[in-house]
Protein backbone atom coordinates (compact mmCIF):
# COMPACT_ATOMS: atom_id res chain seq x y z
CA UNK A 1 0.02 -0.02 -0.02
CA UNK A 2 1.17 3.45 -0.84
CA UNK A 3 2.38 5.15 2.34
CA UNK A 4 0.83 8.47 1.16
CA UNK A 5 -2.60 6.83 1.33
CA UNK A 6 -4.28 7.71 4.67
CA UNK A 7 -7.28 6.09 6.25
CA UNK A 8 -10.36 8.67 6.53
CA UNK A 9 -12.54 8.08 9.70
CA UNK A 10 -16.12 8.66 8.77
CA UNK A 11 -18.42 10.73 10.89
CA UNK A 12 -20.96 7.90 10.99
CA UNK A 13 -19.94 4.76 12.88
CA UNK A 14 -21.20 1.21 12.25
CA UNK A 15 -22.68 1.47 15.71
CA UNK A 16 -24.62 4.62 14.63
CA UNK A 17 -26.03 2.70 11.86
CA UNK A 18 -26.80 -0.32 13.68
CA UNK A 19 -28.84 1.65 16.15
CA UNK A 20 -30.65 3.38 13.29
CA UNK A 21 -31.64 0.24 11.94
CA UNK A 22 -32.55 -1.49 15.15
CA UNK A 23 -30.46 -4.45 14.87
CA UNK A 24 -26.78 -5.83 14.84
CA UNK A 25 -24.89 -6.14 11.59
CA UNK A 26 -22.94 -9.31 10.59
CA UNK A 27 -21.67 -11.58 7.86
CA UNK A 28 -23.40 -15.15 7.24
CA UNK A 29 -20.76 -17.14 5.53
CA UNK A 30 -22.38 -20.17 3.96
CA UNK A 31 -19.83 -22.77 2.95
CA UNK A 32 -20.30 -26.15 1.23
CA UNK A 33 -20.14 -28.31 -1.88
CA UNK A 34 -21.62 -27.25 -4.99
CA UNK A 35 -25.42 -28.32 -4.97
CA UNK A 36 -25.49 -28.52 -1.00
CA UNK A 37 -28.15 -25.74 -0.98
CA UNK A 38 -26.06 -22.61 -0.10
CA UNK A 39 -27.57 -20.05 -2.41
CA UNK A 40 -31.26 -21.49 -1.85
CA UNK A 41 -30.90 -21.34 1.85
CA UNK A 42 -29.24 -17.74 1.88
CA UNK A 43 -31.95 -16.38 -0.56
CA UNK A 44 -34.87 -17.89 1.62
CA UNK A 45 -33.38 -16.77 4.91
CA UNK A 46 -32.63 -13.40 3.62
CA UNK A 47 -36.25 -13.02 2.44
CA UNK A 48 -37.46 -14.12 5.91
CA UNK A 49 -35.29 -11.68 7.69
CA UNK A 50 -36.34 -8.90 5.35
CA UNK A 51 -39.85 -9.51 6.25
CA UNK A 52 -38.81 -9.21 9.97
CA UNK A 53 -37.67 -5.65 9.04
CA UNK A 54 -33.87 -6.67 9.13
CA UNK A 55 -31.78 -4.85 6.44
CA UNK A 56 -30.00 -7.59 4.38
CA UNK A 57 -27.93 -8.09 1.35
CA UNK A 58 -26.99 -11.26 -0.59
CA UNK A 59 -23.53 -11.84 -2.07
CA UNK A 60 -23.80 -15.05 -4.11
CA UNK A 61 -20.38 -16.48 -5.23
CA UNK A 62 -21.68 -17.34 -8.74
CA UNK A 63 -23.16 -13.64 -9.20
CA UNK A 64 -19.84 -12.17 -8.18
CA UNK A 65 -18.11 -14.09 -10.83
CA UNK A 66 -20.17 -12.26 -13.35
CA UNK A 67 -18.82 -8.97 -12.16
CA UNK A 68 -16.06 -8.09 -9.79
CA UNK A 69 -14.57 -11.58 -9.88
CA UNK A 70 -15.13 -12.13 -13.55
CA UNK A 71 -11.27 -12.26 -14.01
CA UNK A 72 -10.82 -15.12 -11.61
CA UNK A 73 -10.61 -18.88 -12.59
CA UNK A 74 -10.70 -21.85 -10.17
CA UNK A 75 -7.11 -22.33 -9.33
CA UNK A 76 -6.10 -22.42 -5.72
CA UNK A 77 -4.63 -18.93 -6.12
CA UNK A 78 -7.71 -17.56 -7.68
CA UNK A 79 -10.04 -19.19 -5.25
CA UNK A 80 -8.15 -17.41 -2.47
CA UNK A 81 -8.38 -14.04 -4.29
CA UNK A 82 -12.06 -14.88 -4.79
CA UNK A 83 -12.72 -15.30 -1.09
CA UNK A 84 -10.48 -12.21 -0.27
CA UNK A 85 -12.82 -9.95 -2.32
CA UNK A 86 -16.03 -11.30 -1.19
CA UNK A 87 -14.95 -10.84 2.55
CA UNK A 88 -13.77 -7.37 1.92
CA UNK A 89 -17.06 -6.38 0.23
CA UNK A 90 -18.93 -8.15 3.09
CA UNK A 91 -16.84 -6.11 5.42
CA UNK A 92 -18.24 -2.91 3.82
CA UNK A 93 -21.82 -4.00 4.34
CA UNK A 94 -21.31 -4.98 7.82
CA UNK A 95 -19.88 -1.53 8.55
CA UNK A 96 -22.88 -0.03 6.91
CA UNK A 97 -25.02 -1.89 9.46
CA UNK A 98 -26.43 -4.45 7.23
CA UNK A 99 -26.83 -8.20 7.76
CA UNK A 100 -24.94 -9.78 4.57
CA UNK A 101 -24.92 -13.23 3.32
CA UNK A 102 -22.11 -14.57 1.31
CA UNK A 103 -22.75 -18.08 -0.32
CA UNK A 104 -19.59 -19.23 -1.74
CA UNK A 105 -18.02 -22.79 -1.88
CA UNK A 106 -14.88 -21.41 -0.11
CA UNK A 107 -13.37 -24.90 -0.14
CA UNK A 108 -10.01 -24.10 1.94
CA UNK A 109 -10.06 -23.58 5.91
CA UNK A 110 -7.25 -21.19 5.58
CA UNK A 111 -8.99 -18.87 3.21
CA UNK A 112 -12.37 -18.88 5.49
CA UNK A 113 -10.25 -18.35 8.41
CA UNK A 114 -8.55 -15.25 6.69
CA UNK A 115 -12.13 -13.92 5.88
CA UNK A 116 -13.12 -14.29 9.50
CA UNK A 117 -10.16 -12.29 10.60
CA UNK A 118 -11.53 -9.23 8.81
CA UNK A 119 -14.47 -9.10 11.30
CA UNK A 120 -15.12 -8.86 15.04
CA UNK A 121 -15.76 -12.28 16.66
CA UNK A 122 -19.42 -11.72 16.99
CA UNK A 123 -19.87 -10.44 13.41
CA UNK A 124 -18.77 -13.66 11.50
CA UNK A 125 -21.17 -16.59 11.33
CA UNK A 126 -19.88 -19.49 9.50
CA UNK A 127 -22.49 -21.84 8.21
CA UNK A 128 -21.49 -25.18 7.23
CA UNK A 129 -24.26 -26.41 4.64
CA UNK A 130 -23.30 -30.19 4.97
CA UNK A 131 -24.27 -32.46 2.27
CA UNK A 132 -22.73 -35.53 0.90
CA UNK A 133 -20.96 -35.65 -2.33
CA UNK A 134 -23.30 -38.42 -3.41
CA UNK A 135 -26.35 -36.30 -2.76
CA UNK A 136 -24.87 -33.25 -4.36
CA UNK A 137 -23.98 -35.23 -7.55
CA UNK A 138 -27.67 -36.77 -7.50
CA UNK A 139 -29.03 -33.20 -7.41
CA UNK A 140 -26.45 -31.54 -9.82
CA UNK A 141 -28.67 -28.62 -10.55
CA UNK A 142 -26.40 -27.01 -12.93
CA UNK A 143 -25.01 -30.22 -14.51
CA UNK A 144 -21.66 -29.40 -13.15
CA UNK A 145 -20.71 -32.72 -11.65
CA UNK A 146 -21.37 -34.59 -14.71
CA UNK A 147 -19.15 -32.26 -16.67
CA UNK A 148 -16.43 -32.52 -14.01
CA UNK A 149 -16.62 -36.31 -14.06
CA UNK A 150 -16.14 -36.21 -17.99
CA UNK A 151 -13.06 -34.01 -17.77
CA UNK A 152 -14.96 -30.88 -19.28
CA UNK A 153 -14.37 -28.94 -15.94
CA UNK A 154 -11.11 -28.67 -14.39
CA UNK A 155 -10.36 -28.00 -10.68
CA UNK A 156 -13.96 -28.87 -9.53
CA UNK A 157 -14.40 -28.99 -5.72
CA UNK A 158 -15.31 -32.42 -4.56
CA UNK A 159 -14.11 -34.17 -7.76
CA UNK A 160 -10.72 -32.89 -8.77
CA UNK A 161 -10.21 -30.45 -6.00
CA UNK A 162 -10.20 -30.82 -2.18
CA UNK A 163 -12.85 -29.48 0.06
CA UNK A 164 -11.88 -28.96 3.66
CA UNK A 165 -14.81 -29.09 6.01
CA UNK A 166 -15.26 -26.54 8.66
CA UNK A 167 -13.93 -28.05 12.05
CA UNK A 168 -16.03 -25.46 14.15
CA UNK A 169 -18.80 -23.54 12.39
CA UNK A 170 -21.18 -21.48 14.42
CA UNK A 171 -23.83 -23.65 12.88
CA UNK A 172 -24.14 -26.79 10.80
CA UNK A 173 -27.17 -27.45 8.38
CA UNK A 174 -27.29 -30.98 7.22
CA UNK A 175 -29.26 -30.67 3.99
CA UNK A 176 -28.88 -34.30 3.13
CA UNK A 177 -30.99 -35.39 6.18
CA UNK A 178 -33.51 -32.47 6.38
CA UNK A 179 -35.79 -30.63 4.17
CA UNK A 180 -34.96 -27.18 2.67
CA UNK A 181 -37.86 -25.74 4.81
CA UNK A 182 -36.29 -27.08 8.14
CA UNK A 183 -32.88 -25.84 7.26
CA UNK A 184 -34.26 -22.25 6.33
CA UNK A 185 -36.22 -22.28 9.70
CA UNK A 186 -33.11 -23.48 11.67
CA UNK A 187 -30.83 -20.80 10.35
CA UNK A 188 -33.47 -17.98 10.62
CA UNK A 189 -34.11 -18.63 14.11
CA UNK A 190 -30.57 -18.86 15.04
CA UNK A 191 -29.78 -15.56 13.37
CA UNK A 192 -32.81 -13.73 14.92
CA UNK A 193 -31.48 -14.55 18.37
CA UNK A 194 -28.25 -12.98 17.29
CA UNK A 195 -29.39 -9.74 15.75
CA UNK A 196 -31.39 -8.39 18.60
CA UNK A 197 -30.30 -6.05 21.54
CA UNK A 198 -29.66 -2.68 19.71
CA UNK A 199 -31.44 0.06 21.36
């Protein structure tokens, strides 16, 4: 970073914005294999919180690759940069007083931990959307697993690239064993319990 660039402290703080919104701000980081249900759950839970008057925004990993991350591939180095950018954007939203959802495979523990370090302890909620590889392949909503098995897609998480399961997430949602409605209710109730307490 250029030594001549200085940090400018804004007049409005994160706490000012939280008080105006009437709730805490944080990032909900959903990680899991492709097809596990991350984006679906994030969308539905965001909608539930929005109906409760919570200020929200969703950062979907696929959508971000159409814009700010369009120049990144799926090598380990590019995945690391992908997660760095998502977490930096997420930090801006949290500082603005918003509950932001980040739905991204984020396969490596080191990268998820680096993302966590950008936030205060209570501001980062890691959600492990747990689903077996077999079930994700059975669903294969985008047809990606079939292409990966056929060699059409390289560096595909779960097939030709490792996925490191979270060792201590704030919450685990097992989408192999429970329907989407129960998963959405589980996460919604968990987050509502965390967001209150601003007066």
